[in-house]
Amino acid sequence: MTDQRVSAPADDLWSAVDALWTWLDGHRTHEGREGLLLCILKLQEETGEVAQAVIGATGQNPRKGTTHTWDDVQAELCDVAITALVALRTLTPEAREVFTRHLAEVTRRSLGAGGEA
């Protein structure tokens, strides 16, 4: 049996985000503002899954014990990042530029003009 999963090249993040956005847009069940809000709310669902994975990795629920690994936490954090970038793309077709500007500003504020801590 041949593995037919599509792999997104790590060096082409924004092409992958655009492809995911296009696919989701073609399968959208709600349009307009409602669709946008639901896309953004999906981010909250994904962050909840991170919390669930951390609780499971640390065994904090005595009834369930250890149910997740730190690899699961990493995967859930990736889902949060992907979901956030797709939500940003849903909000604006200029997602790449908006994100790049914002990242530069956060980096400048955090690391200073020289880029060092």
C-alpha atoms as a PDB file:
ATOM      1  CA  MET A   1       0.000   0.000   0.000  1.00  0.00           C
ATOM      2  CA  THR A   2       1.441   3.367  -1.036  1.00  0.00           C
ATOM      3  CA  ASP A   3       1.465   6.276   1.400  1.00  0.00           C
ATOM      4  CA  GLN A   4      -0.521   9.002  -0.365  1.00  0.00           C
ATOM      5  CA  ARG A   5      -0.389  11.669   2.332  1.00  0.00           C
ATOM      6  CA  VAL A   6       0.513  15.126   1.092  1.00  0.00           C
ATOM      7  CA  SER A   7       3.580  16.553   2.761  1.00  0.00           C
ATOM      8  CA  ALA A   8       3.972  20.291   3.213  1.00  0.00           C
ATOM      9  CA  PRO A   9       7.535  21.436   2.659  1.00  0.00           C
ATOM     10  CA  ALA A  10       8.770  23.087   5.848  1.00  0.00           C
ATOM     11  CA  ASP A  11      10.566  25.771   3.833  1.00  0.00           C
ATOM     12  CA  ASP A  12       7.333  26.840   2.161  1.00  0.00           C
ATOM     13  CA  LEU A  13       5.159  27.584   5.186  1.00  0.00           C
ATOM     14  CA  TRP A  14       2.968  30.182   3.521  1.00  0.00           C
ATOM     15  CA  SER A  15       2.216  28.020   0.481  1.00  0.00           C
ATOM     16  CA  ALA A  16       1.067  25.308   2.880  1.00  0.00           C
ATOM     17  CA  VAL A  17      -1.057  27.823   4.818  1.00  0.00           C
ATOM     18  CA  ASP A  18      -2.618  29.037   1.551  1.00  0.00           C
ATOM     19  CA  ALA A  19      -3.299  25.451   0.455  1.00  0.00           C
ATOM     20  CA  LEU A  20      -4.953  24.619   3.784  1.00  0.00           C
ATOM     21  CA  TRP A  21      -6.996  27.833   3.631  1.00  0.00           C
ATOM     22  CA  THR A  22      -8.124  27.011   0.081  1.00  0.00           C
ATOM     23  CA  TRP A  23      -9.116  23.491   1.091  1.00  0.00           C
ATOM     24  CA  LEU A  24     -11.001  24.717   4.171  1.00  0.00           C
ATOM     25  CA  ASP A  25     -12.679  27.491   2.166  1.00  0.00           C
ATOM     26  CA  GLY A  26     -13.994  24.862  -0.232  1.00  0.00           C
ATOM     27  CA  HIS A  27     -15.491  22.881   2.654  1.00  0.00           C
ATOM     28  CA  ARG A  28     -16.865  25.775   4.663  1.00  0.00           C
ATOM     29  CA  THR A  29     -20.333  25.222   6.151  1.00  0.00           C
ATOM     30  CA  HIS A  30     -20.772  28.837   7.277  1.00  0.00           C
ATOM     31  CA  GLU A  31     -20.024  31.920   5.225  1.00  0.00           C
ATOM     32  CA  GLY A  32     -19.235  35.546   5.960  1.00  0.00           C
ATOM     33  CA  ARG A  33     -18.702  36.860   9.440  1.00  0.00           C
ATOM     34  CA  GLU A  34     -20.026  33.696  11.066  1.00  0.00           C
ATOM     35  CA  GLY A  35     -17.541  31.559   9.142  1.00  0.00           C
ATOM     36  CA  LEU A  36     -14.689  33.883  10.112  1.00  0.00           C
ATOM     37  CA  LEU A  37     -15.662  33.820  13.784  1.00  0.00           C
ATOM     38  CA  LEU A  38     -15.906  30.025  13.783  1.00  0.00           C
ATOM     39  CA  CYS A  39     -12.472  29.795  12.180  1.00  0.00           C
ATOM     40  CA  ILE A  40     -11.035  31.982  14.924  1.00  0.00           C
ATOM     41  CA  LEU A  41     -12.866  30.000  17.622  1.00  0.00           C
ATOM     42  CA  LYS A  42     -11.203  26.828  16.294  1.00  0.00           C
ATOM     43  CA  LEU A  43      -8.014  28.248  17.799  1.00  0.00           C
ATOM     44  CA  GLN A  44      -9.547  28.027  21.284  1.00  0.00           C
ATOM     45  CA  GLU A  45     -10.403  24.382  20.689  1.00  0.00           C
ATOM     46  CA  GLU A  46      -6.807  23.657  19.696  1.00  0.00           C
ATOM     47  CA  THR A  47      -5.374  25.432  22.766  1.00  0.00           C
ATOM     48  CA  GLY A  48      -7.673  23.297  24.903  1.00  0.00           C
ATOM     49  CA  GLU A  49      -6.131  20.230  23.293  1.00  0.00           C
ATOM     50  CA  VAL A  50      -2.667  21.508  24.299  1.00  0.00           C
ATOM     51  CA  ALA A  51      -3.868  21.818  27.897  1.00  0.00           C
ATOM     52  CA  GLN A  52      -5.364  18.326  27.762  1.00  0.00           C
ATOM     53  CA  ALA A  53      -2.085  16.917  26.424  1.00  0.00           C
ATOM     54  CA  VAL A  54      -0.022  18.662  29.140  1.00  0.00           C
ATOM     55  CA  ILE A  55      -2.358  17.344  31.839  1.00  0.00           C
ATOM     56  CA  GLY A  56      -2.117  13.890  30.271  1.00  0.00           C
ATOM     57  CA  ALA A  57       1.677  14.028  29.944  1.00  0.00           C
ATOM     58  CA  THR A  58       2.096  15.023  33.583  1.00  0.00           C
ATOM     59  CA  GLY A  59      -0.508  12.568  34.894  1.00  0.00           C
ATOM     60  CA  GLN A  60      -2.406  15.342  36.671  1.00  0.00           C
ATOM     61  CA  ASN A  61      -5.761  13.583  36.401  1.00  0.00           C
ATOM     62  CA  PRO A  62      -5.579  10.782  38.975  1.00  0.00           C
ATOM     63  CA  ARG A  63      -8.572   9.056  37.429  1.00  0.00           C
ATOM     64  CA  LYS A  64      -6.863   8.800  34.022  1.00  0.00           C
ATOM     65  CA  GLY A  65      -3.162   8.787  34.891  1.00  0.00           C
ATOM     66  CA  THR A  66      -0.592   9.457  32.184  1.00  0.00           C
ATOM     67  CA  THR A  67      -2.455   9.536  28.875  1.00  0.00           C
ATOM     68  CA  HIS A  68      -0.193  11.645  26.636  1.00  0.00           C
ATOM     69  CA  THR A  69       3.476  12.139  25.862  1.00  0.00           C
ATOM     70  CA  TRP A  70       5.496  15.308  25.392  1.00  0.00           C
ATOM     71  CA  ASP A  71       5.509  14.436  21.684  1.00  0.00           C
ATOM     72  CA  ASP A  72       1.713  14.761  21.859  1.00  0.00           C
ATOM     73  CA  VAL A  73       2.135  18.207  23.428  1.00  0.00           C
ATOM     74  CA  GLN A  74       4.499  19.209  20.615  1.00  0.00           C
ATOM     75  CA  ALA A  75       1.985  18.037  17.995  1.00  0.00           C
ATOM     76  CA  GLU A  76      -0.833  19.963  19.673  1.00  0.00           C
ATOM     77  CA  LEU A  77       1.298  23.121  19.808  1.00  0.00           C
ATOM     78  CA  CYS A  78       1.941  22.715  16.079  1.00  0.00           C
ATOM     79  CA  ASP A  79      -1.823  22.423  15.542  1.00  0.00           C
ATOM     80  CA  VAL A  80      -2.281  25.719  17.426  1.00  0.00           C
ATOM     81  CA  ALA A  81       0.310  27.451  15.239  1.00  0.00           C
ATOM     82  CA  ILE A  82      -1.194  26.081  12.019  1.00  0.00           C
ATOM     83  CA  THR A  83      -4.727  26.969  13.099  1.00  0.00           C
ATOM     84  CA  ALA A  84      -3.648  30.503  14.020  1.00  0.00           C
ATOM     85  CA  LEU A  85      -1.929  31.054  10.673  1.00  0.00           C
ATOM     86  CA  VAL A  86      -4.922  29.706   8.745  1.00  0.00           C
ATOM     87  CA  ALA A  87      -7.253  31.920  10.816  1.00  0.00           C
ATOM     88  CA  LEU A  88      -5.042  34.909  10.010  1.00  0.00           C
ATOM     89  CA  ARG A  89      -5.204  33.950   6.318  1.00  0.00           C
ATOM     90  CA  THR A  90      -8.996  33.766   6.627  1.00  0.00           C
ATOM     91  CA  LEU A  91      -9.024  37.283   8.044  1.00  0.00           C
ATOM     92  CA  THR A  92      -6.726  38.734   5.381  1.00  0.00           C
ATOM     93  CA  PRO A  93      -5.146  37.572   2.121  1.00  0.00           C
ATOM     94  CA  GLU A  94      -2.086  39.568   3.262  1.00  0.00           C
ATOM     95  CA  ALA A  95      -1.453  37.148   6.150  1.00  0.00           C
ATOM     96  CA  ARG A  96       2.215  36.645   5.302  1.00  0.00           C
ATOM     97  CA  GLU A  97       2.934  40.367   5.311  1.00  0.00           C
ATOM     98  CA  VAL A  98       0.856  41.014   8.444  1.00  0.00           C
ATOM     99  CA  PHE A  99       2.616  38.217  10.305  1.00  0.00           C
ATOM    100  CA  THR A 100       6.090  39.249   9.119  1.00  0.00           C
ATOM    101  CA  ARG A 101       5.512  42.852  10.243  1.00  0.00           C
ATOM    102  CA  HIS A 102       4.141  41.751  13.590  1.00  0.00           C
ATOM    103  CA  LEU A 103       6.979  39.286  14.190  1.00  0.00           C
ATOM    104  CA  ALA A 104       9.513  41.998  13.396  1.00  0.00           C
ATOM    105  CA  GLU A 105       7.823  44.358  15.868  1.00  0.00           C
ATOM    106  CA  VAL A 106       7.671  41.730  18.643  1.00  0.00           C
ATOM    107  CA  THR A 107      11.302  40.820  17.976  1.00  0.00           C
ATOM    108  CA  ARG A 108      12.338  44.480  18.088  1.00  0.00           C
ATOM    109  CA  ARG A 109      10.443  45.085  21.345  1.00  0.00           C
ATOM    110  CA  SER A 110      11.751  41.909  22.957  1.00  0.00           C
ATOM    111  CA  LEU A 111      15.339  41.793  21.702  1.00  0.00           C
ATOM    112  CA  GLY A 112      15.997  45.465  21.030  1.00  0.00           C
ATOM    113  CA  ALA A 113      17.167  47.158  17.870  1.00  0.00           C
ATOM    114  CA  GLY A 114      20.326  45.030  17.709  1.00  0.00           C
ATOM    115  CA  GLY A 115      18.373  41.774  17.871  1.00  0.00           C
ATOM    116  CA  GLU A 116      20.113  40.647  21.065  1.00  0.00           C
ATOM    117  CA  ALA A 117      18.704  40.047  24.509  1.00  0.00           C
END
